[in-house]
Amino acid sequence: MTKAEIVEKISKETKVTKSVAAKAFGVVIDSVKEALQKGEKVSVVGFGTFSVVARKARKGRNPQTGKEIKIAAKKVPKFTAGKNLKDTVNVVVKAKAKKK
């Protein structure tokens, strides 16, 4: 599902224009980004939690040359699915497995 498809769904479900839906969606995304930038967690009950984790510096290999390289330490965003989301996905998987 793309951003445009999400905006269209928001627009239809809430009976607002696509531009209003796009702005609302943009505000949600920007709010998550800002919170993560500050190092805060963003929890959406029933969906999941966005957080930031620090990765240590490590050694890696250039796949083309095989030469060892240093990979710098950095912070990366992380998403942990909530129980409700996991259960929803597993119901879909189980339903597809039964059809086969």
Protein backbone atom coordinates (compact mmCIF):
# COMPACT_ATOMS: atom_id res chain seq x y z
CA MET A 1 0.00 0.00 0.00
CA THR A 2 1.37 3.39 -0.97
CA LYS A 3 1.03 6.80 0.66
CA ALA A 4 -1.45 7.81 -2.05
CA GLU A 5 -3.59 4.74 -1.35
CA ILE A 6 -3.57 5.46 2.39
CA VAL A 7 -4.55 9.09 1.77
CA GLU A 8 -7.38 7.96 -0.52
CA LYS A 9 -8.65 5.52 2.13
CA ILE A 10 -8.52 8.21 4.83
CA SER A 11 -10.38 10.56 2.51
CA LYS A 12 -13.16 8.04 1.81
CA GLU A 13 -13.50 6.81 5.41
CA THR A 14 -13.63 10.28 6.97
CA LYS A 15 -15.45 12.01 4.08
CA VAL A 16 -12.85 14.76 3.73
CA THR A 17 -10.96 15.95 0.68
CA LYS A 18 -7.78 14.21 -0.37
CA SER A 19 -5.78 17.35 0.39
CA VAL A 20 -7.08 17.43 3.98
CA ALA A 21 -6.41 13.69 4.35
CA ALA A 22 -2.89 14.11 2.93
CA LYS A 23 -2.19 16.96 5.36
CA ALA A 24 -3.46 14.91 8.33
CA PHE A 25 -1.38 11.91 7.29
CA GLY A 26 1.65 14.17 6.86
CA VAL A 27 1.19 15.58 10.36
CA VAL A 28 1.10 12.05 11.84
CA ILE A 29 4.25 11.00 9.98
CA ASP A 30 6.08 14.23 10.88
CA SER A 31 5.09 13.81 14.54
CA VAL A 32 6.55 10.30 14.61
CA LYS A 33 9.75 11.54 12.95
CA GLU A 34 10.13 14.42 15.42
CA ALA A 35 9.61 12.17 18.43
CA LEU A 36 12.15 9.64 17.14
CA GLN A 37 14.62 12.42 16.43
CA LYS A 38 14.35 13.42 20.11
CA GLY A 39 14.96 9.81 21.11
CA GLU A 40 11.38 9.27 22.31
CA LYS A 41 9.25 6.18 21.78
CA VAL A 42 5.96 6.40 19.91
CA SER A 43 3.40 3.83 21.02
CA VAL A 44 0.17 3.24 19.14
CA VAL A 45 -1.92 0.89 21.26
CA GLY A 46 -3.05 -2.13 19.25
CA PHE A 47 -0.57 -1.36 16.45
CA GLY A 48 2.98 -1.15 17.73
CA THR A 49 5.87 0.95 18.98
CA PHE A 50 8.39 3.02 17.07
CA SER A 51 11.72 3.58 18.81
CA VAL A 52 15.37 4.40 18.14
CA VAL A 53 18.18 1.93 18.79
CA ALA A 54 21.92 2.57 18.71
CA ARG A 55 24.10 0.30 16.61
CA LYS A 56 27.71 -0.10 17.64
CA ALA A 57 30.58 0.43 15.21
CA ARG A 58 31.60 -2.82 13.61
CA LYS A 59 33.74 -4.37 10.91
CA GLY A 60 32.23 -5.44 7.62
CA ARG A 61 33.32 -6.53 4.19
CA ASN A 62 32.96 -4.91 0.81
CA PRO A 63 31.03 -7.58 -1.15
CA GLN A 64 32.76 -6.67 -4.43
CA THR A 65 36.36 -6.69 -3.25
CA GLY A 66 36.16 -8.68 -0.03
CA LYS A 67 38.19 -5.93 1.65
CA GLU A 68 37.45 -5.32 5.33
CA ILE A 69 35.79 -1.96 6.07
CA LYS A 70 34.75 -0.11 9.21
CA ILE A 71 31.04 0.54 9.64
CA ALA A 72 30.39 3.56 11.85
CA ALA A 73 28.11 3.55 14.87
CA LYS A 74 24.69 5.03 14.20
CA LYS A 75 21.13 5.26 15.43
CA VAL A 76 18.37 3.52 13.47
CA PRO A 77 14.57 3.52 13.73
CA LYS A 78 12.92 0.33 14.93
CA PHE A 79 9.31 -0.84 14.83
CA THR A 80 7.95 -3.50 17.15
CA ALA A 81 4.52 -4.82 16.21
CA GLY A 82 1.92 -4.93 18.96
CA LYS A 83 -0.03 -8.04 19.90
CA ASN A 84 -3.18 -6.96 18.06
CA LEU A 85 -1.24 -6.37 14.82
CA LYS A 86 0.58 -9.70 15.16
CA ASP A 87 -2.70 -11.51 15.78
CA THR A 88 -4.32 -9.82 12.77
CA VAL A 89 -1.45 -10.83 10.48
CA ASN A 90 -1.45 -14.39 11.80
CA VAL A 91 -5.20 -14.76 11.23
CA VAL A 92 -4.67 -13.79 7.58
CA VAL A 93 -1.77 -16.24 7.25
CA LYS A 94 -3.80 -19.06 8.82
CA ALA A 95 -6.77 -18.31 6.56
CA LYS A 96 -4.58 -18.50 3.44
CA ALA A 97 -3.03 -21.75 4.63
CA LYS A 98 -6.48 -23.33 5.03
CA LYS A 99 -7.44 -22.44 1.43
CA LYS A 100 -4.53 -24.46 0.02
